[in-house]
Amino acid sequence: MVVVVVVVVVVVVVVVVVVVSGLAPRWAAKQPQNQPLQSV
């Protein structure tokens, strides 16, 4: 059971990193620098 939890956590972290790395340039391009990035 512990292995399943570890695998799920790793998958979630990888997905979050990929999404953030993919969306960060778009957010920086859309939003002015004076506005903070909106957290989802």
PDB file of N, CA and C in Angstrom:
ATOM      1  N   MET A   1       0.838  -1.203   0.000  1.00  0.00           N
ATOM      2  CA  MET A   1       0.000   0.000   0.000  1.00  0.00           C
ATOM      3  C   MET A   1       0.877   1.258   0.000  1.00  0.00           C
ATOM      4  N   VAL A   2       1.992   1.205   0.712  1.00  0.00           N
ATOM      5  CA  VAL A   2       2.869   2.381   0.766  1.00  0.00           C
ATOM      6  C   VAL A   2       3.437   2.689  -0.612  1.00  0.00           C
ATOM      7  N   VAL A   3       3.746   1.625  -1.362  1.00  0.00           N
ATOM      8  CA  VAL A   3       4.296   1.831  -2.708  1.00  0.00           C
ATOM      9  C   VAL A   3       3.287   2.554  -3.585  1.00  0.00           C
ATOM     10  N   VAL A   4       2.021   2.192  -3.470  1.00  0.00           N
ATOM     11  CA  VAL A   4       0.978   2.834  -4.273  1.00  0.00           C
ATOM     12  C   VAL A   4       0.910   4.319  -3.947  1.00  0.00           C
ATOM     13  N   VAL A   5       0.971   4.650  -2.667  1.00  0.00           N
ATOM     14  CA  VAL A   5       0.907   6.057  -2.261  1.00  0.00           C
ATOM     15  C   VAL A   5       2.101   6.827  -2.818  1.00  0.00           C
ATOM     16  N   VAL A   6       3.274   6.228  -2.741  1.00  0.00           N
ATOM     17  CA  VAL A   6       4.481   6.893  -3.256  1.00  0.00           C
ATOM     18  C   VAL A   6       4.368   7.121  -4.757  1.00  0.00           C
ATOM     19  N   VAL A   7       3.888   6.120  -5.477  1.00  0.00           N
ATOM     20  CA  VAL A   7       3.749   6.249  -6.928  1.00  0.00           C
ATOM     21  C   VAL A   7       2.762   7.359  -7.266  1.00  0.00           C
ATOM     22  N   VAL A   8       1.643   7.409  -6.565  1.00  0.00           N
ATOM     23  CA  VAL A   8       0.639   8.444  -6.823  1.00  0.00           C
ATOM     24  C   VAL A   8       1.225   9.826  -6.559  1.00  0.00           C
ATOM     25  N   VAL A   9       1.945   9.973  -5.465  1.00  0.00           N
ATOM     26  CA  VAL A   9       2.539  11.270  -5.134  1.00  0.00           C
ATOM     27  C   VAL A   9       3.539  11.691  -6.210  1.00  0.00           C
ATOM     28  N   VAL A  10       4.363  10.754  -6.657  1.00  0.00           N
ATOM     29  CA  VAL A  10       5.352  11.073  -7.692  1.00  0.00           C
ATOM     30  C   VAL A  10       4.663  11.502  -8.979  1.00  0.00           C
ATOM     31  N   VAL A  11       3.619  10.785  -9.365  1.00  0.00           N
ATOM     32  CA  VAL A  11       2.898  11.129 -10.595  1.00  0.00           C
ATOM     33  C   VAL A  11       2.295  12.522 -10.483  1.00  0.00           C
ATOM     34  N   VAL A  12       1.686  12.826  -9.344  1.00  0.00           N
ATOM     35  CA  VAL A  12       1.066  14.142  -9.158  1.00  0.00           C
ATOM     36  C   VAL A  12       2.124  15.238  -9.237  1.00  0.00           C
ATOM     37  N   VAL A  13       3.259  15.020  -8.599  1.00  0.00           N
ATOM     38  CA  VAL A  13       4.326  16.029  -8.624  1.00  0.00           C
ATOM     39  C   VAL A  13       4.822  16.251 -10.053  1.00  0.00           C
ATOM     40  N   VAL A  14       5.004  15.170 -10.794  1.00  0.00           N
ATOM     41  CA  VAL A  14       5.478  15.302 -12.175  1.00  0.00           C
ATOM     42  C   VAL A  14       4.465  16.074 -13.015  1.00  0.00           C
ATOM     43  N   VAL A  15       3.191  15.748 -12.868  1.00  0.00           N
ATOM     44  CA  VAL A  15       2.155  16.441 -13.636  1.00  0.00           C
ATOM     45  C   VAL A  15       2.143  17.927 -13.291  1.00  0.00           C
ATOM     46  N   VAL A  16       2.236  18.246 -12.002  1.00  0.00           N
ATOM     47  CA  VAL A  16       2.225  19.653 -11.586  1.00  0.00           C
ATOM     48  C   VAL A  16       3.428  20.393 -12.173  1.00  0.00           C
ATOM     49  N   VAL A  17       4.589  19.761 -12.138  1.00  0.00           N
ATOM     50  CA  VAL A  17       5.790  20.414 -12.680  1.00  0.00           C
ATOM     51  C   VAL A  17       5.642  20.658 -14.179  1.00  0.00           C
ATOM     52  N   VAL A  18       5.107  19.671 -14.889  1.00  0.00           N
ATOM     53  CA  VAL A  18       4.937  19.821 -16.338  1.00  0.00           C
ATOM     54  C   VAL A  18       3.936  20.932 -16.642  1.00  0.00           C
ATOM     55  N   VAL A  19       2.827  20.962 -15.918  1.00  0.00           N
ATOM     56  CA  VAL A  19       1.802  21.979 -16.161  1.00  0.00           C
ATOM     57  C   VAL A  19       2.339  23.368 -15.848  1.00  0.00           C
ATOM     58  N   VAL A  20       3.023  23.499 -14.707  1.00  0.00           N
ATOM     59  CA  VAL A  20       3.550  24.811 -14.319  1.00  0.00           C
ATOM     60  C   VAL A  20       4.601  25.276 -15.322  1.00  0.00           C
ATOM     61  N   SER A  21       5.483  24.386 -15.722  1.00  0.00           N
ATOM     62  CA  SER A  21       6.534  24.765 -16.666  1.00  0.00           C
ATOM     63  C   SER A  21       5.937  25.102 -18.032  1.00  0.00           C
ATOM     64  N   GLY A  22       4.792  24.509 -18.347  1.00  0.00           N
ATOM     65  CA  GLY A  22       4.147  24.796 -19.622  1.00  0.00           C
ATOM     66  C   GLY A  22       3.334  26.075 -19.597  1.00  0.00           C
ATOM     67  N   LEU A  23       2.741  26.401 -18.447  1.00  0.00           N
ATOM     68  CA  LEU A  23       1.857  27.564 -18.372  1.00  0.00           C
ATOM     69  C   LEU A  23       2.569  28.824 -17.910  1.00  0.00           C
ATOM     70  N   ALA A  24       3.689  28.699 -17.213  1.00  0.00           N
ATOM     71  CA  ALA A  24       4.379  29.874 -16.669  1.00  0.00           C
ATOM     72  C   ALA A  24       4.732  30.893 -17.755  1.00  0.00           C
ATOM     73  N   PRO A  25       5.298  30.486 -18.889  1.00  0.00           N
ATOM     74  CA  PRO A  25       5.600  31.479 -19.934  1.00  0.00           C
ATOM     75  C   PRO A  25       4.344  32.165 -20.459  1.00  0.00           C
ATOM     76  N   ARG A  26       3.244  31.449 -20.546  1.00  0.00           N
ATOM     77  CA  ARG A  26       2.002  32.057 -21.040  1.00  0.00           C
ATOM     78  C   ARG A  26       1.487  33.089 -20.050  1.00  0.00           C
ATOM     79  N   TRP A  27       1.532  32.748 -18.737  1.00  0.00           N
ATOM     80  CA  TRP A  27       1.095  33.698 -17.722  1.00  0.00           C
ATOM     81  C   TRP A  27       1.976  34.935 -17.744  1.00  0.00           C
ATOM     82  N   ALA A  28       3.276  34.753 -17.899  1.00  0.00           N
ATOM     83  CA  ALA A  28       4.207  35.886 -17.917  1.00  0.00           C
ATOM     84  C   ALA A  28       3.938  36.759 -19.142  1.00  0.00           C
ATOM     85  N   ALA A  29       3.551  36.147 -20.246  1.00  0.00           N
ATOM     86  CA  ALA A  29       3.301  36.905 -21.464  1.00  0.00           C
ATOM     87  C   ALA A  29       1.963  37.645 -21.386  1.00  0.00           C
ATOM     88  N   LYS A  30       0.959  37.023 -20.758  1.00  0.00           N
ATOM     89  CA  LYS A  30      -0.372  37.636 -20.695  1.00  0.00           C
ATOM     90  C   LYS A  30      -0.438  38.734 -19.642  1.00  0.00           C
ATOM     91  N   GLN A  31       0.109  38.459 -18.455  1.00  0.00           N
ATOM     92  CA  GLN A  31      -0.056  39.383 -17.340  1.00  0.00           C
ATOM     93  C   GLN A  31       1.098  40.373 -17.270  1.00  0.00           C
ATOM     94  N   PRO A  32       0.790  41.636 -16.953  1.00  0.00           N
ATOM     95  CA  PRO A  32       1.853  42.619 -16.709  1.00  0.00           C
ATOM     96  C   PRO A  32       2.701  42.207 -15.513  1.00  0.00           C
ATOM     97  N   GLN A  33       3.909  42.708 -15.442  1.00  0.00           N
ATOM     98  CA  GLN A  33       4.820  42.297 -14.379  1.00  0.00           C
ATOM     99  C   GLN A  33       4.363  42.799 -13.019  1.00  0.00           C
ATOM    100  N   ASN A  34       3.533  43.847 -12.985  1.00  0.00           N
ATOM    101  CA  ASN A  34       3.109  44.388 -11.692  1.00  0.00           C
ATOM    102  C   ASN A  34       2.019  43.533 -11.047  1.00  0.00           C
ATOM    103  N   GLN A  35       1.447  42.604 -11.806  1.00  0.00           N
ATOM    104  CA  GLN A  35       0.409  41.734 -11.250  1.00  0.00           C
ATOM    105  C   GLN A  35       1.026  40.402 -10.837  1.00  0.00           C
ATOM    106  N   PRO A  36       0.700  39.929  -9.631  1.00  0.00           N
ATOM    107  CA  PRO A  36       1.200  38.623  -9.195  1.00  0.00           C
ATOM    108  C   PRO A  36       0.527  37.505  -9.982  1.00  0.00           C
ATOM    109  N   LEU A  37       1.225  36.393 -10.136  1.00  0.00           N
ATOM    110  CA  LEU A  37       0.646  35.251 -10.840  1.00  0.00           C
ATOM    111  C   LEU A  37      -0.508  34.670 -10.036  1.00  0.00           C
ATOM    112  N   GLN A  38      -1.578  34.335 -10.709  1.00  0.00           N
ATOM    113  CA  GLN A  38      -2.744  33.784 -10.024  1.00  0.00           C
ATOM    114  C   GLN A  38      -2.514  32.303  -9.755  1.00  0.00           C
ATOM    115  N   SER A  39      -2.665  31.918  -8.495  1.00  0.00           N
ATOM    116  CA  SER A  39      -2.511  30.509  -8.141  1.00  0.00           C
ATOM    117  C   SER A  39      -3.808  29.776  -8.420  1.00  0.00           C
ATOM    118  N   VAL A  40      -3.707  28.604  -9.024  1.00  0.00           N
ATOM    119  CA  VAL A  40      -4.903  27.831  -9.375  1.00  0.00           C
ATOM    120  C   VAL A  40      -5.315  27.001  -8.181  1.00  0.00           C
TER     121      VAL A  40
END
